PDB file of N, CA and C in Angstrom:
ATOM      1  N   MET A   1     -13.393  -6.013  23.519  1.00  0.00           N
ATOM      2  CA  MET A   1     -12.748  -4.718  23.364  1.00  0.00           C
ATOM      3  C   MET A   1     -13.702  -3.763  22.663  1.00  0.00           C
ATOM      4  N   SER A   2     -13.860  -2.598  23.212  1.00  0.00           N
ATOM      5  CA  SER A   2     -14.795  -1.621  22.682  1.00  0.00           C
ATOM      6  C   SER A   2     -14.079  -0.624  21.782  1.00  0.00           C
ATOM      7  N   LEU A   3     -14.778  -0.220  20.749  1.00  0.00           N
ATOM      8  CA  LEU A   3     -14.245   0.786  19.834  1.00  0.00           C
ATOM      9  C   LEU A   3     -14.722   2.188  20.188  1.00  0.00           C
ATOM     10  N   ASP A   4     -15.478   2.306  21.252  1.00  0.00           N
ATOM     11  CA  ASP A   4     -16.073   3.594  21.611  1.00  0.00           C
ATOM     12  C   ASP A   4     -15.030   4.707  21.711  1.00  0.00           C
ATOM     13  N   ASN A   5     -13.881   4.407  22.270  1.00  0.00           N
ATOM     14  CA  ASN A   5     -12.861   5.430  22.458  1.00  0.00           C
ATOM     15  C   ASN A   5     -11.757   5.379  21.409  1.00  0.00           C
ATOM     16  N   ALA A   6     -11.924   4.524  20.415  1.00  0.00           N
ATOM     17  CA  ALA A   6     -10.908   4.394  19.371  1.00  0.00           C
ATOM     18  C   ALA A   6     -10.936   5.608  18.447  1.00  0.00           C
ATOM     19  N   PRO A   7      -9.810   5.930  17.834  1.00  0.00           N
ATOM     20  CA  PRO A   7      -9.788   7.021  16.852  1.00  0.00           C
ATOM     21  C   PRO A   7     -10.715   6.699  15.669  1.00  0.00           C
ATOM     22  N   ASP A   8     -11.188   7.732  15.015  1.00  0.00           N
ATOM     23  CA  ASP A   8     -12.117   7.552  13.894  1.00  0.00           C
ATOM     24  C   ASP A   8     -11.544   6.661  12.799  1.00  0.00           C
ATOM     25  N   GLU A   9     -10.239   6.780  12.526  1.00  0.00           N
ATOM     26  CA  GLU A   9      -9.656   5.962  11.458  1.00  0.00           C
ATOM     27  C   GLU A   9      -9.679   4.477  11.818  1.00  0.00           C
ATOM     28  N   VAL A  10      -9.571   4.145  13.090  1.00  0.00           N
ATOM     29  CA  VAL A  10      -9.654   2.747  13.518  1.00  0.00           C
ATOM     30  C   VAL A  10     -11.087   2.246  13.352  1.00  0.00           C
ATOM     31  N   LYS A  11     -12.049   3.065  13.737  1.00  0.00           N
ATOM     32  CA  LYS A  11     -13.458   2.688  13.580  1.00  0.00           C
ATOM     33  C   LYS A  11     -13.796   2.455  12.109  1.00  0.00           C
ATOM     34  N   LEU A  12     -13.323   3.352  11.246  1.00  0.00           N
ATOM     35  CA  LEU A  12     -13.586   3.204   9.822  1.00  0.00           C
ATOM     36  C   LEU A  12     -12.900   1.956   9.276  1.00  0.00           C
ATOM     37  N   ALA A  13     -11.675   1.702   9.688  1.00  0.00           N
ATOM     38  CA  ALA A  13     -10.952   0.509   9.234  1.00  0.00           C
ATOM     39  C   ALA A  13     -11.707  -0.756   9.623  1.00  0.00           C
ATOM     40  N   VAL A  14     -12.200  -0.811  10.836  1.00  0.00           N
ATOM     41  CA  VAL A  14     -12.960  -1.985  11.287  1.00  0.00           C
ATOM     42  C   VAL A  14     -14.224  -2.145  10.449  1.00  0.00           C
ATOM     43  N   ASP A  15     -14.921  -1.055  10.191  1.00  0.00           N
ATOM     44  CA  ASP A  15     -16.129  -1.115   9.358  1.00  0.00           C
ATOM     45  C   ASP A  15     -15.805  -1.619   7.952  1.00  0.00           C
ATOM     46  N   LEU A  16     -14.723  -1.127   7.375  1.00  0.00           N
ATOM     47  CA  LEU A  16     -14.346  -1.547   6.026  1.00  0.00           C
ATOM     48  C   LEU A  16     -13.968  -3.028   5.997  1.00  0.00           C
ATOM     49  N   ILE A  17     -13.215  -3.472   6.988  1.00  0.00           N
ATOM     50  CA  ILE A  17     -12.836  -4.884   7.068  1.00  0.00           C
ATOM     51  C   ILE A  17     -14.081  -5.753   7.166  1.00  0.00           C
ATOM     52  N   MET A  18     -15.002  -5.369   8.026  1.00  0.00           N
ATOM     53  CA  MET A  18     -16.236  -6.141   8.184  1.00  0.00           C
ATOM     54  C   MET A  18     -17.032  -6.182   6.877  1.00  0.00           C
ATOM     55  N   LEU A  19     -17.116  -5.051   6.186  1.00  0.00           N
ATOM     56  CA  LEU A  19     -17.843  -4.989   4.924  1.00  0.00           C
ATOM     57  C   LEU A  19     -17.211  -5.914   3.885  1.00  0.00           C
ATOM     58  N   LEU A  20     -15.901  -5.830   3.755  1.00  0.00           N
ATOM     59  CA  LEU A  20     -15.204  -6.650   2.762  1.00  0.00           C
ATOM     60  C   LEU A  20     -15.302  -8.137   3.102  1.00  0.00           C
ATOM     61  N   GLU A  21     -15.152  -8.473   4.366  1.00  0.00           N
ATOM     62  CA  GLU A  21     -15.225  -9.880   4.763  1.00  0.00           C
ATOM     63  C   GLU A  21     -16.641 -10.426   4.658  1.00  0.00           C
ATOM     64  N   THR A  22     -17.631  -9.622   5.009  1.00  0.00           N
ATOM     65  CA  THR A  22     -19.027 -10.052   4.933  1.00  0.00           C
ATOM     66  C   THR A  22     -19.420 -10.397   3.499  1.00  0.00           C
ATOM     67  N   HIS A  23     -18.857  -9.660   2.549  1.00  0.00           N
ATOM     68  CA  HIS A  23     -19.186  -9.872   1.137  1.00  0.00           C
ATOM     69  C   HIS A  23     -18.189 -10.797   0.439  1.00  0.00           C
ATOM     70  N   ASN A  24     -17.320 -11.425   1.239  1.00  0.00           N
ATOM     71  CA  ASN A  24     -16.357 -12.393   0.710  1.00  0.00           C
ATOM     72  C   ASN A  24     -15.548 -11.850  -0.467  1.00  0.00           C
ATOM     73  N   ILE A  25     -15.106 -10.617  -0.330  1.00  0.00           N
ATOM     74  CA  ILE A  25     -14.297  -9.989  -1.374  1.00  0.00           C
ATOM     75  C   ILE A  25     -12.910 -10.630  -1.354  1.00  0.00           C
ATOM     76  N   PRO A  26     -12.422 -11.086  -2.505  1.00  0.00           N
ATOM     77  CA  PRO A  26     -11.084 -11.669  -2.538  1.00  0.00           C
ATOM     78  C   PRO A  26     -10.030 -10.650  -2.094  1.00  0.00           C
ATOM     79  N   VAL A  27      -8.987 -11.150  -1.453  1.00  0.00           N
ATOM     80  CA  VAL A  27      -7.952 -10.277  -0.901  1.00  0.00           C
ATOM     81  C   VAL A  27      -7.353  -9.366  -1.974  1.00  0.00           C
ATOM     82  N   GLU A  28      -7.008  -9.903  -3.116  1.00  0.00           N
ATOM     83  CA  GLU A  28      -6.384  -9.084  -4.168  1.00  0.00           C
ATOM     84  C   GLU A  28      -7.334  -8.004  -4.672  1.00  0.00           C
ATOM     85  N   THR A  29      -8.613  -8.318  -4.767  1.00  0.00           N
ATOM     86  CA  THR A  29      -9.609  -7.333  -5.187  1.00  0.00           C
ATOM     87  C   THR A  29      -9.716  -6.219  -4.153  1.00  0.00           C
ATOM     88  N   ALA A  30      -9.775  -6.590  -2.884  1.00  0.00           N
ATOM     89  CA  ALA A  30      -9.877  -5.604  -1.810  1.00  0.00           C
ATOM     90  C   ALA A  30      -8.649  -4.705  -1.782  1.00  0.00           C
ATOM     91  N   LEU A  31      -7.466  -5.306  -1.889  1.00  0.00           N
ATOM     92  CA  LEU A  31      -6.239  -4.505  -1.863  1.00  0.00           C
ATOM     93  C   LEU A  31      -6.156  -3.564  -3.055  1.00  0.00           C
ATOM     94  N   GLY A  32      -6.557  -4.029  -4.218  1.00  0.00           N
ATOM     95  CA  GLY A  32      -6.571  -3.170  -5.399  1.00  0.00           C
ATOM     96  C   GLY A  32      -7.526  -2.003  -5.239  1.00  0.00           C
ATOM     97  N   ALA A  33      -8.709  -2.289  -4.731  1.00  0.00           N
ATOM     98  CA  ALA A  33      -9.704  -1.240  -4.528  1.00  0.00           C
ATOM     99  C   ALA A  33      -9.232  -0.239  -3.474  1.00  0.00           C
ATOM    100  N   LEU A  34      -8.640  -0.747  -2.403  1.00  0.00           N
ATOM    101  CA  LEU A  34      -8.147   0.149  -1.349  1.00  0.00           C
ATOM    102  C   LEU A  34      -7.024   1.049  -1.861  1.00  0.00           C
ATOM    103  N   GLU A  35      -6.199   0.536  -2.751  1.00  0.00           N
ATOM    104  CA  GLU A  35      -5.132   1.365  -3.326  1.00  0.00           C
ATOM    105  C   GLU A  35      -5.719   2.473  -4.198  1.00  0.00           C
ATOM    106  N   ILE A  36      -6.761   2.159  -4.937  1.00  0.00           N
ATOM    107  CA  ILE A  36      -7.445   3.190  -5.737  1.00  0.00           C
ATOM    108  C   ILE A  36      -8.019   4.265  -4.821  1.00  0.00           C
ATOM    109  N   VAL A  37      -8.659   3.840  -3.749  1.00  0.00           N
ATOM    110  CA  VAL A  37      -9.229   4.788  -2.780  1.00  0.00           C
ATOM    111  C   VAL A  37      -8.117   5.629  -2.160  1.00  0.00           C
ATOM    112  N   ARG A  38      -7.019   4.982  -1.787  1.00  0.00           N
ATOM    113  CA  ARG A  38      -5.878   5.694  -1.185  1.00  0.00           C
ATOM    114  C   ARG A  38      -5.354   6.767  -2.131  1.00  0.00           C
ATOM    115  N   GLN A  39      -5.144   6.413  -3.385  1.00  0.00           N
ATOM    116  CA  GLN A  39      -4.636   7.378  -4.361  1.00  0.00           C
ATOM    117  C   GLN A  39      -5.611   8.537  -4.552  1.00  0.00           C
ATOM    118  N   ASP A  40      -6.899   8.235  -4.575  1.00  0.00           N
ATOM    119  CA  ASP A  40      -7.908   9.280  -4.739  1.00  0.00           C
ATOM    120  C   ASP A  40      -7.882  10.259  -3.567  1.00  0.00           C
ATOM    121  N   PHE A  41      -7.777   9.735  -2.355  1.00  0.00           N
ATOM    122  CA  PHE A  41      -7.765  10.610  -1.187  1.00  0.00           C
ATOM    123  C   PHE A  41      -6.449  11.376  -1.060  1.00  0.00           C
ATOM    124  N   LEU A  42      -5.347  10.770  -1.482  1.00  0.00           N
ATOM    125  CA  LEU A  42      -4.081  11.504  -1.495  1.00  0.00           C
ATOM    126  C   LEU A  42      -4.151  12.677  -2.469  1.00  0.00           C
ATOM    127  N   ARG A  43      -4.774  12.441  -3.641  1.00  0.00           N
ATOM    128  CA  ARG A  43      -4.938  13.516  -4.620  1.00  0.00           C
ATOM    129  C   ARG A  43      -5.805  14.634  -4.050  1.00  0.00           C
ATOM    130  N   LYS A  44      -6.884  14.266  -3.397  1.00  0.00           N
ATOM    131  CA  LYS A  44      -7.769  15.269  -2.805  1.00  0.00           C
ATOM    132  C   LYS A  44      -7.048  16.047  -1.712  1.00  0.00           C
ATOM    133  N   GLN A  45      -6.228  15.365  -0.928  1.00  0.00           N
ATOM    134  CA  GLN A  45      -5.458  16.025   0.119  1.00  0.00           C
ATOM    135  C   GLN A  45      -4.463  17.016  -0.483  1.00  0.00           C
ATOM    136  N   GLN A  46      -3.795  16.605  -1.552  1.00  0.00           N
ATOM    137  CA  GLN A  46      -2.839  17.493  -2.218  1.00  0.00           C
ATOM    138  C   GLN A  46      -3.541  18.717  -2.798  1.00  0.00           C
ATOM    139  N   GLU A  47      -4.683  18.516  -3.397  1.00  0.00           N
ATOM    140  CA  GLU A  47      -5.445  19.632  -3.945  1.00  0.00           C
ATOM    141  C   GLU A  47      -5.878  20.594  -2.846  1.00  0.00           C
ATOM    142  N   ALA A  48      -6.276  20.039  -1.716  1.00  0.00           N
ATOM    143  CA  ALA A  48      -6.730  20.882  -0.608  1.00  0.00           C
ATOM    144  C   ALA A  48      -5.581  21.709  -0.041  1.00  0.00           C
ATOM    145  N   THR A  49      -4.409  21.103   0.057  1.00  0.00           N
ATOM    146  CA  THR A  49      -3.256  21.839   0.601  1.00  0.00           C
ATOM    147  C   THR A  49      -2.692  22.838  -0.407  1.00  0.00           C
ATOM    148  N   ALA A  50      -3.025  22.633  -1.685  1.00  0.00           N
ATOM    149  CA  ALA A  50      -2.558  23.549  -2.726  1.00  0.00           C
ATOM    150  C   ALA A  50      -3.580  24.660  -2.984  1.00  0.00           C
ATOM    151  N   GLY A  51      -4.577  24.737  -2.153  1.00  0.00           N
ATOM    152  CA  GLY A  51      -5.573  25.793  -2.289  1.00  0.00           C
ATOM    153  C   GLY A  51      -6.838  25.365  -2.985  1.00  0.00           C
ATOM    154  N   GLY A  52      -6.959  24.071  -3.302  1.00  0.00           N
ATOM    155  CA  GLY A  52      -8.161  23.554  -3.909  1.00  0.00           C
ATOM    156  C   GLY A  52      -9.268  23.395  -2.891  1.00  0.00           C
ATOM    157  N   VAL A  53     -10.361  22.852  -3.328  1.00  0.00           N
ATOM    158  CA  VAL A  53     -11.504  22.632  -2.448  1.00  0.00           C
ATOM    159  C   VAL A  53     -11.493  21.190  -2.009  1.00  0.00           C
ATOM    160  N   GLU A  54     -11.716  20.948  -0.731  1.00  0.00           N
ATOM    161  CA  GLU A  54     -11.745  19.586  -0.180  1.00  0.00           C
ATOM    162  C   GLU A  54     -13.094  18.963  -0.340  1.00  0.00           C
TER     163      GLU A  54
END
């Protein structure tokens, strides 16, 4: 299956999964880190929609 026509978020997700698995990151560590990243990007999104800079 090719990712050539996949949406960018799917391509990024696959890259992140490969990176985490290649480095044998424990599941709980990966999930914790991803939640931190998620919260950071949600904050940036809120700031951008409130007139902040993205």
